[in-house]
C-alpha atoms as a PDB file:
ATOM      1  CA  MET A   1      25.367 -82.072  -7.774  1.00  0.00           C
ATOM      2  CA  SER A   2      22.922 -82.410  -5.309  1.00  0.00           C
ATOM      3  CA  GLU A   3      20.207 -84.319  -5.295  1.00  0.00           C
ATOM      4  CA  ILE A   4      16.383 -83.580  -5.442  1.00  0.00           C
ATOM      5  CA  ALA A   5      15.372 -87.098  -4.826  1.00  0.00           C
ATOM      6  CA  GLY A   6      13.902 -87.909  -1.208  1.00  0.00           C
ATOM      7  CA  ARG A   7      14.927 -84.368  -0.009  1.00  0.00           C
ATOM      8  CA  HIS A   8      12.706 -82.159   1.911  1.00  0.00           C
ATOM      9  CA  ALA A   9      12.150 -78.518   0.108  1.00  0.00           C
ATOM     10  CA  LEU A  10      10.544 -75.908   1.602  1.00  0.00           C
ATOM     11  CA  VAL A  11       9.579 -72.490  -1.026  1.00  0.00           C
ATOM     12  CA  THR A  12       8.203 -70.018   0.491  1.00  0.00           C
ATOM     13  CA  GLY A  13       5.741 -67.890  -1.605  1.00  0.00           C
ATOM     14  CA  GLY A  14       5.358 -71.339  -2.607  1.00  0.00           C
ATOM     15  CA  ALA A  15       1.425 -70.679  -3.752  1.00  0.00           C
ATOM     16  CA  SER A  16       1.859 -68.469  -7.155  1.00  0.00           C
ATOM     17  CA  GLY A  17       4.127 -67.359  -9.174  1.00  0.00           C
ATOM     18  CA  ILE A  18       7.607 -68.751 -10.088  1.00  0.00           C
ATOM     19  CA  GLY A  19       7.216 -70.160  -6.636  1.00  0.00           C
ATOM     20  CA  ARG A  20       4.971 -72.216  -7.564  1.00  0.00           C
ATOM     21  CA  LEU A  21       7.091 -73.422 -10.889  1.00  0.00           C
ATOM     22  CA  MET A  22      10.350 -74.516  -8.517  1.00  0.00           C
ATOM     23  CA  ALA A  23       7.648 -76.661  -6.251  1.00  0.00           C
ATOM     24  CA  LYS A  24       6.194 -78.846  -8.953  1.00  0.00           C
ATOM     25  CA  LYS A  25      10.061 -78.984 -10.688  1.00  0.00           C
ATOM     26  CA  LEU A  26      10.944 -80.188  -7.269  1.00  0.00           C
ATOM     27  CA  ALA A  27       8.371 -82.941  -6.626  1.00  0.00           C
ATOM     28  CA  ALA A  28       8.579 -83.888 -10.054  1.00  0.00           C
ATOM     29  CA  LEU A  29      12.789 -84.695  -9.453  1.00  0.00           C
ATOM     30  CA  GLY A  30      11.238 -86.878  -6.454  1.00  0.00           C
ATOM     31  CA  GLY A  31      11.700 -84.259  -3.890  1.00  0.00           C
ATOM     32  CA  ARG A  32       9.454 -84.206  -1.076  1.00  0.00           C
ATOM     33  CA  VAL A  33       8.011 -80.627  -0.676  1.00  0.00           C
ATOM     34  CA  SER A  34       6.360 -77.843   1.611  1.00  0.00           C
ATOM     35  CA  ILE A  35       5.123 -74.508  -0.015  1.00  0.00           C
ATOM     36  CA  TRP A  36       4.013 -71.750   2.660  1.00  0.00           C
ATOM     37  CA  ASP A  37       2.050 -68.824   1.191  1.00  0.00           C
ATOM     38  CA  ILE A  38      -0.443 -66.168   3.347  1.00  0.00           C
ATOM     39  CA  ASN A  39      -2.970 -66.973   0.488  1.00  0.00           C
ATOM     40  CA  ALA A  40      -4.849 -70.072   2.049  1.00  0.00           C
ATOM     41  CA  ALA A  41      -7.034 -70.834  -0.928  1.00  0.00           C
ATOM     42  CA  ASN A  42      -4.820 -70.826  -4.390  1.00  0.00           C
ATOM     43  CA  LEU A  43      -2.086 -72.844  -1.682  1.00  0.00           C
ATOM     44  CA  GLU A  44      -4.249 -75.843  -1.243  1.00  0.00           C
ATOM     45  CA  ALA A  45      -4.841 -75.223  -4.807  1.00  0.00           C
ATOM     46  CA  VAL A  46      -1.194 -75.993  -5.344  1.00  0.00           C
ATOM     47  CA  VAL A  47      -1.175 -78.210  -2.826  1.00  0.00           C
ATOM     48  CA  ALA A  48      -3.492 -80.336  -4.891  1.00  0.00           C
ATOM     49  CA  GLU A  49      -1.601 -80.705  -7.732  1.00  0.00           C
ATOM     50  CA  LEU A  50       1.656 -80.933  -6.112  1.00  0.00           C
ATOM     51  CA  ARG A  51      -0.139 -84.354  -4.896  1.00  0.00           C
ATOM     52  CA  ALA A  52      -1.088 -85.241  -8.254  1.00  0.00           C
ATOM     53  CA  ILE A  53       2.555 -85.547  -8.920  1.00  0.00           C
ATOM     54  CA  PRO A  54       3.481 -89.147  -9.154  1.00  0.00           C
ATOM     55  CA  GLY A  55       4.585 -90.669  -5.457  1.00  0.00           C
ATOM     56  CA  CYS A  56       4.461 -86.224  -4.653  1.00  0.00           C
ATOM     57  CA  GLN A  57       4.875 -85.420  -0.481  1.00  0.00           C
ATOM     58  CA  ALA A  58       3.314 -82.475  -0.275  1.00  0.00           C
ATOM     59  CA  GLN A  59       1.945 -79.916   2.926  1.00  0.00           C
ATOM     60  CA  GLY A  60       0.983 -76.185   2.875  1.00  0.00           C
ATOM     61  CA  PHE A  61       1.196 -73.834   5.241  1.00  0.00           C
ATOM     62  CA  VAL A  62      -0.191 -70.425   5.743  1.00  0.00           C
ATOM     63  CA  CYS A  63       2.391 -68.313   6.819  1.00  0.00           C
ATOM     64  CA  ASP A  64       3.026 -64.646   7.223  1.00  0.00           C
ATOM     65  CA  VAL A  65       6.599 -64.366   7.081  1.00  0.00           C
ATOM     66  CA  SER A  66       6.915 -60.719   7.813  1.00  0.00           C
ATOM     67  CA  ASP A  67       5.323 -62.361  11.464  1.00  0.00           C
ATOM     68  CA  ARG A  68       8.396 -64.025  12.965  1.00  0.00           C
ATOM     69  CA  ALA A  69       6.464 -65.712  15.483  1.00  0.00           C
ATOM     70  CA  GLN A  70       4.535 -67.297  13.171  1.00  0.00           C
ATOM     71  CA  VAL A  71       7.809 -68.059  11.110  1.00  0.00           C
ATOM     72  CA  TYR A  72       8.700 -70.051  13.724  1.00  0.00           C
ATOM     73  CA  ALA A  73       5.808 -71.667  14.122  1.00  0.00           C
ATOM     74  CA  ARG A  74       5.460 -72.653  10.961  1.00  0.00           C
ATOM     75  CA  ALA A  75       8.830 -73.964  11.241  1.00  0.00           C
ATOM     76  CA  ASP A  76       8.079 -76.656  13.787  1.00  0.00           C
ATOM     77  CA  GLU A  77       4.878 -77.444  12.412  1.00  0.00           C
ATOM     78  CA  THR A  78       6.579 -78.530   8.761  1.00  0.00           C
ATOM     79  CA  THR A  79       9.676 -79.832  10.285  1.00  0.00           C
ATOM     80  CA  ALA A  80       7.076 -81.941  12.247  1.00  0.00           C
ATOM     81  CA  ALA A  81       4.613 -83.356   9.428  1.00  0.00           C
ATOM     82  CA  ALA A  82       7.484 -83.721   7.324  1.00  0.00           C
ATOM     83  CA  GLY A  83      10.736 -83.616   8.732  1.00  0.00           C
ATOM     84  CA  PRO A  84      13.891 -81.765   9.154  1.00  0.00           C
ATOM     85  CA  VAL A  85      13.783 -79.483   5.814  1.00  0.00           C
ATOM     86  CA  ASP A  86      17.298 -79.914   3.588  1.00  0.00           C
ATOM     87  CA  ILE A  87      16.464 -77.115   1.011  1.00  0.00           C
ATOM     88  CA  LEU A  88      15.190 -73.481   2.088  1.00  0.00           C
ATOM     89  CA  ILE A  89      14.177 -71.495  -0.943  1.00  0.00           C
ATOM     90  CA  ASN A  90      13.148 -67.751   0.494  1.00  0.00           C
ATOM     91  CA  ASN A  91      10.946 -67.204  -2.331  1.00  0.00           C
ATOM     92  CA  ALA A  92       8.394 -64.836  -0.486  1.00  0.00           C
ATOM     93  CA  GLY A  93       8.291 -61.043  -2.300  1.00  0.00           C
ATOM     94  CA  VAL A  94       6.799 -58.338  -1.881  1.00  0.00           C
ATOM     95  CA  VAL A  95       7.082 -54.820  -4.879  1.00  0.00           C
ATOM     96  CA  SER A  96       5.652 -51.051  -4.399  1.00  0.00           C
ATOM     97  CA  GLY A  97       6.373 -49.891  -7.789  1.00  0.00           C
ATOM     98  CA  LYS A  98       5.652 -46.183  -6.682  1.00  0.00           C
ATOM     99  CA  ASP A  99       7.851 -42.865  -6.693  1.00  0.00           C
ATOM    100  CA  PHE A 100      10.191 -42.139  -3.289  1.00  0.00           C
ATOM    101  CA  LEU A 101       7.490 -40.033  -2.217  1.00  0.00           C
ATOM    102  CA  ASP A 102       4.811 -41.567  -2.820  1.00  0.00           C
ATOM    103  CA  LEU A 103       5.595 -44.458  -0.849  1.00  0.00           C
ATOM    104  CA  PRO A 104       3.271 -44.997   2.207  1.00  0.00           C
ATOM    105  CA  ASP A 105       5.333 -45.681   5.993  1.00  0.00           C
ATOM    106  CA  GLU A 106       3.995 -49.085   5.835  1.00  0.00           C
ATOM    107  CA  LYS A 107       4.857 -50.092   2.214  1.00  0.00           C
ATOM    108  CA  ILE A 108       8.541 -49.483   2.736  1.00  0.00           C
ATOM    109  CA  GLU A 109       8.153 -51.834   6.518  1.00  0.00           C
ATOM    110  CA  ALA A 110       6.389 -54.531   4.289  1.00  0.00           C
ATOM    111  CA  THR A 111       9.502 -54.828   1.617  1.00  0.00           C
ATOM    112  CA  PHE A 112      11.567 -55.031   4.346  1.00  0.00           C
ATOM    113  CA  ASP A 113       9.796 -57.226   6.813  1.00  0.00           C
ATOM    114  CA  VAL A 114       9.793 -59.151   3.843  1.00  0.00           C
ATOM    115  CA  ASN A 115      12.233 -59.392   1.411  1.00  0.00           C
ATOM    116  CA  VAL A 116      15.127 -58.992   3.988  1.00  0.00           C
ATOM    117  CA  LEU A 117      13.791 -59.923   7.773  1.00  0.00           C
ATOM    118  CA  ALA A 118      12.032 -62.999   7.198  1.00  0.00           C
ATOM    119  CA  LEU A 119      15.588 -63.969   5.747  1.00  0.00           C
ATOM    120  CA  PHE A 120      16.997 -63.723   8.929  1.00  0.00           C
ATOM    121  CA  TRP A 121      13.786 -65.402  10.441  1.00  0.00           C
ATOM    122  CA  THR A 122      13.749 -68.365   8.958  1.00  0.00           C
ATOM    123  CA  GLY A 123      17.496 -68.665   8.502  1.00  0.00           C
ATOM    124  CA  LYS A 124      17.852 -69.586  12.458  1.00  0.00           C
ATOM    125  CA  ALA A 125      14.018 -71.288  11.786  1.00  0.00           C
ATOM    126  CA  PHE A 126      16.472 -73.797   9.638  1.00  0.00           C
ATOM    127  CA  LEU A 127      20.048 -73.600   9.316  1.00  0.00           C
ATOM    128  CA  PRO A 128      20.501 -74.717  12.933  1.00  0.00           C
ATOM    129  CA  SER A 129      19.491 -78.440  12.178  1.00  0.00           C
ATOM    130  CA  MET A 130      21.315 -77.549   8.463  1.00  0.00           C
ATOM    131  CA  ILE A 131      24.347 -77.335  10.420  1.00  0.00           C
ATOM    132  CA  SER A 132      23.897 -80.235  13.078  1.00  0.00           C
ATOM    133  CA  ARG A 133      22.898 -82.805   9.351  1.00  0.00           C
ATOM    134  CA  GLY A 134      26.378 -81.435   7.828  1.00  0.00           C
ATOM    135  CA  SER A 135      24.391 -80.483   5.272  1.00  0.00           C
ATOM    136  CA  GLY A 136      21.208 -78.147   3.543  1.00  0.00           C
ATOM    137  CA  HIS A 137      21.052 -75.735   0.924  1.00  0.00           C
ATOM    138  CA  ILE A 138      19.407 -72.303   1.107  1.00  0.00           C
ATOM    139  CA  VAL A 139      17.884 -69.541  -1.632  1.00  0.00           C
ATOM    140  CA  THR A 140      18.136 -66.348  -1.659  1.00  0.00           C
ATOM    141  CA  ILE A 141      15.663 -64.983  -4.152  1.00  0.00           C
ATOM    142  CA  ALA A 142      16.994 -62.025  -5.013  1.00  0.00           C
ATOM    143  CA  SER A 143      17.096 -59.728  -7.863  1.00  0.00           C
ATOM    144  CA  ALA A 144      18.812 -57.824 -10.750  1.00  0.00           C
ATOM    145  CA  SER A 145      17.775 -54.427  -9.203  1.00  0.00           C
ATOM    146  CA  GLY A 146      19.692 -55.324  -5.975  1.00  0.00           C
ATOM    147  CA  LEU A 147      22.829 -54.469  -8.218  1.00  0.00           C
ATOM    148  CA  ILE A 148      21.902 -51.242  -9.569  1.00  0.00           C
ATOM    149  CA  GLY A 149      19.384 -49.447  -8.085  1.00  0.00           C
ATOM    150  CA  VAL A 150      16.295 -48.906 -10.251  1.00  0.00           C
ATOM    151  CA  ALA A 151      13.854 -45.184 -10.569  1.00  0.00           C
ATOM    152  CA  ARG A 152      10.643 -46.271  -8.958  1.00  0.00           C
ATOM    153  CA  LEU A 153      11.598 -49.507  -7.232  1.00  0.00           C
ATOM    154  CA  GLY A 154      13.383 -47.268  -3.555  1.00  0.00           C
ATOM    155  CA  ASP A 155      12.379 -49.770  -1.456  1.00  0.00           C
ATOM    156  CA  TYR A 156      12.728 -53.118  -3.170  1.00  0.00           C
ATOM    157  CA  SER A 157      16.043 -52.260  -4.677  1.00  0.00           C
ATOM    158  CA  ALA A 158      16.795 -51.302  -0.670  1.00  0.00           C
ATOM    159  CA  SER A 159      15.823 -54.602  -0.038  1.00  0.00           C
ATOM    160  CA  LYS A 160      17.719 -56.925  -2.947  1.00  0.00           C
ATOM    161  CA  TRP A 161      21.023 -55.265  -1.967  1.00  0.00           C
ATOM    162  CA  ALA A 162      20.438 -56.176   1.751  1.00  0.00           C
ATOM    163  CA  ALA A 163      18.902 -59.872   0.767  1.00  0.00           C
ATOM    164  CA  ILE A 164      22.454 -60.164  -1.677  1.00  0.00           C
ATOM    165  CA  GLY A 165      24.440 -58.760   1.318  1.00  0.00           C
ATOM    166  CA  PHE A 166      22.855 -61.132   3.779  1.00  0.00           C
ATOM    167  CA  ASP A 167      23.747 -64.684   1.020  1.00  0.00           C
ATOM    168  CA  GLU A 168      27.199 -63.786   0.961  1.00  0.00           C
ATOM    169  CA  SER A 169      27.808 -62.814   4.425  1.00  0.00           C
ATOM    170  CA  LEU A 170      26.238 -66.589   4.883  1.00  0.00           C
ATOM    171  CA  ARG A 171      28.368 -67.934   2.903  1.00  0.00           C
ATOM    172  CA  ALA A 172      31.043 -66.267   3.799  1.00  0.00           C
ATOM    173  CA  GLU A 173      30.197 -68.238   7.779  1.00  0.00           C
ATOM    174  CA  LEU A 174      28.996 -71.438   6.663  1.00  0.00           C
ATOM    175  CA  ARG A 175      32.879 -71.635   4.443  1.00  0.00           C
ATOM    176  CA  THR A 176      34.140 -72.302   8.363  1.00  0.00           C
ATOM    177  CA  ILE A 177      31.337 -73.918  10.142  1.00  0.00           C
ATOM    178  CA  ALA A 178      29.422 -76.051   7.746  1.00  0.00           C
ATOM    179  CA  PRO A 179      30.800 -76.422   4.576  1.00  0.00           C
ATOM    180  CA  HIS A 180      28.444 -78.586   3.241  1.00  0.00           C
ATOM    181  CA  VAL A 181      25.814 -76.124   4.163  1.00  0.00           C
ATOM    182  CA  ILE A 182      25.190 -74.425   0.246  1.00  0.00           C
ATOM    183  CA  THR A 183      24.046 -71.029  -0.242  1.00  0.00           C
ATOM    184  CA  THR A 184      22.707 -69.913  -3.504  1.00  0.00           C
ATOM    185  CA  VAL A 185      21.452 -66.460  -4.618  1.00  0.00           C
ATOM    186  CA  ILE A 186      19.704 -65.633  -7.376  1.00  0.00           C
ATOM    187  CA  CYS A 187      19.636 -62.413  -9.360  1.00  0.00           C
ATOM    188  CA  PRO A 188      17.511 -62.135 -12.096  1.00  0.00           C
ATOM    189  CA  TYR A 189      16.094 -59.096 -14.493  1.00  0.00           C
ATOM    190  CA  TYR A 190      11.938 -58.411 -14.443  1.00  0.00           C
ATOM    191  CA  ILE A 191      10.171 -61.971 -14.567  1.00  0.00           C
ATOM    192  CA  ASN A 192       6.665 -62.469 -16.862  1.00  0.00           C
ATOM    193  CA  THR A 193       4.612 -62.617 -13.346  1.00  0.00           C
ATOM    194  CA  GLY A 194       1.488 -60.351 -11.949  1.00  0.00           C
ATOM    195  CA  MET A 195       3.858 -59.207  -9.418  1.00  0.00           C
ATOM    196  CA  PHE A 196       6.239 -56.946 -12.138  1.00  0.00           C
ATOM    197  CA  ARG A 197       2.671 -56.477 -14.550  1.00  0.00           C
ATOM    198  CA  GLY A 198       3.748 -53.480 -16.886  1.00  0.00           C
ATOM    199  CA  VAL A 199       7.360 -53.287 -16.522  1.00  0.00           C
ATOM    200  CA  ARG A 200       9.041 -52.416 -20.164  1.00  0.00           C
ATOM    201  CA  SER A 201      12.483 -53.348 -21.729  1.00  0.00           C
ATOM    202  CA  ARG A 202      13.782 -51.112 -23.914  1.00  0.00           C
ATOM    203  CA  PHE A 203      16.295 -53.247 -25.675  1.00  0.00           C
ATOM    204  CA  PRO A 204      14.129 -57.536 -25.066  1.00  0.00           C
ATOM    205  CA  PHE A 205      16.404 -58.564 -27.176  1.00  0.00           C
ATOM    206  CA  LEU A 206      19.602 -57.714 -24.237  1.00  0.00           C
ATOM    207  CA  LEU A 207      17.236 -57.373 -21.125  1.00  0.00           C
ATOM    208  CA  PRO A 208      14.224 -59.825 -21.991  1.00  0.00           C
ATOM    209  CA  ILE A 209      11.719 -59.792 -19.980  1.00  0.00           C
ATOM    210  CA  LEU A 210      12.248 -63.578 -18.618  1.00  0.00           C
ATOM    211  CA  GLU A 211       9.451 -66.248 -18.198  1.00  0.00           C
ATOM    212  CA  GLU A 212       8.286 -68.085 -15.070  1.00  0.00           C
ATOM    213  CA  ASP A 213       9.475 -71.417 -15.768  1.00  0.00           C
ATOM    214  CA  TYR A 214      12.725 -70.268 -17.565  1.00  0.00           C
ATOM    215  CA  VAL A 215      13.312 -69.168 -14.223  1.00  0.00           C
ATOM    216  CA  ALA A 216      12.134 -71.673 -12.212  1.00  0.00           C
ATOM    217  CA  GLU A 217      14.004 -74.397 -14.281  1.00  0.00           C
ATOM    218  CA  GLN A 218      16.564 -72.200 -13.977  1.00  0.00           C
ATOM    219  CA  VAL A 219      17.080 -72.077  -9.760  1.00  0.00           C
ATOM    220  CA  VAL A 220      16.548 -75.648  -9.685  1.00  0.00           C
ATOM    221  CA  ARG A 221      19.842 -76.430 -11.846  1.00  0.00           C
ATOM    222  CA  SER A 222      21.403 -74.515  -9.749  1.00  0.00           C
ATOM    223  CA  ILE A 223      20.230 -75.855  -6.436  1.00  0.00           C
ATOM    224  CA  ARG A 224      21.251 -79.623  -8.486  1.00  0.00           C
ATOM    225  CA  THR A 225      24.828 -77.870  -9.218  1.00  0.00           C
ATOM    226  CA  ASN A 226      25.797 -76.363  -5.853  1.00  0.00           C
ATOM    227  CA  LYS A 227      26.213 -72.529  -7.750  1.00  0.00           C
ATOM    228  CA  ARG A 228      26.090 -70.285  -5.691  1.00  0.00           C
ATOM    229  CA  ARG A 229      25.183 -66.755  -8.063  1.00  0.00           C
ATOM    230  CA  LEU A 230      22.657 -67.091 -10.488  1.00  0.00           C
ATOM    231  CA  ILE A 231      22.331 -64.130 -12.548  1.00  0.00           C
ATOM    232  CA  MET A 232      19.701 -63.556 -16.017  1.00  0.00           C
ATOM    233  CA  PRO A 233      19.985 -62.898 -18.248  1.00  0.00           C
ATOM    234  CA  TRP A 234      23.938 -62.810 -19.128  1.00  0.00           C
ATOM    235  CA  LEU A 235      23.612 -58.392 -19.922  1.00  0.00           C
ATOM    236  CA  VAL A 236      23.665 -58.360 -16.244  1.00  0.00           C
ATOM    237  CA  HIS A 237      26.797 -59.401 -15.553  1.00  0.00           C
ATOM    238  CA  VAL A 238      28.355 -56.103 -16.937  1.00  0.00           C
ATOM    239  CA  VAL A 239      26.571 -54.204 -13.817  1.00  0.00           C
ATOM    240  CA  PRO A 240      29.821 -55.329 -12.188  1.00  0.00           C
ATOM    241  CA  VAL A 241      32.092 -53.349 -13.891  1.00  0.00           C
ATOM    242  CA  ILE A 242      30.150 -50.361 -15.801  1.00  0.00           C
ATOM    243  CA  ARG A 243      30.273 -49.842 -11.827  1.00  0.00           C
ATOM    244  CA  PHE A 244      34.308 -48.689 -12.620  1.00  0.00           C
ATOM    245  CA  LEU A 245      32.771 -45.923 -14.768  1.00  0.00           C
ATOM    246  CA  PRO A 246      32.345 -42.226 -13.831  1.00  0.00           C
ATOM    247  CA  VAL A 247      29.236 -42.041 -11.921  1.00  0.00           C
ATOM    248  CA  GLY A 248      27.719 -39.514 -15.103  1.00  0.00           C
ATOM    249  CA  LEU A 249      28.817 -42.246 -17.452  1.00  0.00           C
ATOM    250  CA  PHE A 250      27.039 -44.823 -15.026  1.00  0.00           C
ATOM    251  CA  ASP A 251      23.853 -43.144 -14.982  1.00  0.00           C
ATOM    252  CA  TRP A 252      24.141 -43.163 -18.760  1.00  0.00           C
ATOM    253  CA  VAL A 253      24.911 -46.050 -20.102  1.00  0.00           C
ATOM    254  CA  ALA A 254      21.952 -47.470 -17.375  1.00  0.00           C
ATOM    255  CA  ASN A 255      19.327 -44.653 -18.840  1.00  0.00           C
ATOM    256  CA  PHE A 256      20.437 -45.645 -22.786  1.00  0.00           C
ATOM    257  CA  LEU A 257      19.631 -49.590 -21.392  1.00  0.00           C
ATOM    258  CA  GLY A 258      15.803 -48.171 -20.616  1.00  0.00           C
ATOM    259  CA  VAL A 259      16.396 -49.143 -16.602  1.00  0.00           C
ATOM    260  CA  ASN A 260      15.073 -46.806 -15.456  1.00  0.00           C
ATOM    261  CA  ALA A 261      12.280 -46.171 -17.427  1.00  0.00           C
ATOM    262  CA  SER A 262      11.054 -50.036 -16.797  1.00  0.00           C
ATOM    263  CA  MET A 263       9.241 -49.345 -14.229  1.00  0.00           C
ATOM    264  CA  GLU A 264       6.778 -46.467 -15.741  1.00  0.00           C
ATOM    265  CA  LYS A 265       3.685 -48.430 -16.738  1.00  0.00           C
ATOM    266  CA  PHE A 266       4.162 -51.027 -13.960  1.00  0.00           C
ATOM    267  CA  VAL A 267       1.367 -51.796 -12.510  1.00  0.00           C
ATOM    268  CA  GLY A 268       1.276 -55.174 -10.645  1.00  0.00           C
ATOM    269  CA  ARG A 269      -0.577 -57.115  -9.153  1.00  0.00           C
ATOM    270  CA  ASN A 270      -3.891 -54.975  -8.662  1.00  0.00           C
ATOM    271  CA  PRO A 271      -4.358 -52.201 -11.407  1.00  0.00           C
END
């Protein structure tokens, strides 16, 4: 078990959605919480929420995680303000939700800048201190679409496959050089946030749209129990198994379950 009380947790993309909820849950458990977000107004409001929790020490920093120099600068400021980061939750993410040929080049670049490259910049900023102290926890919020490609999520799925690969490679390295620094990768199905507004599930009893609070609670529980991988809901666990099927049959199963039709009504945060 990992203690939260007294430890310094940083949540990127912490001013909305599950980022905000994870920050509040960590604060309620006695954690010292820092949040980064690109939205200054939301950031200020969430920091006020956190500071209203009895005993909570919280601070927020405006940060565009796609900007490497900005990440390194904010990392120094965050450490100076609240001490070394013990728990890093790489939560910031973006989604385009368009057919491949309709994706503007700059949107593809932004997806990889935020969903993939930011993992490297925050890792380089905070991991050395964790290794030198012999403890720490890095959480990567990936996606079920990092386990199976989904129509209209070409850039997003590819970025989340990369995020899962990042976590696995880092876990393998740390096993040798810093076995007490833990990594956890989170692979949820769609979450009921504005980010994925409009998505549909053909069989909600098998593939439910997950509620924000439930996901945030499960992530915090995974941190406390040092769980290495969290996949939600249970049906997503069969994806590696059905990969043994011939490609045509694999695609038929995905289409039957409605996976490739799930984004047809997608509107996202800005319809």
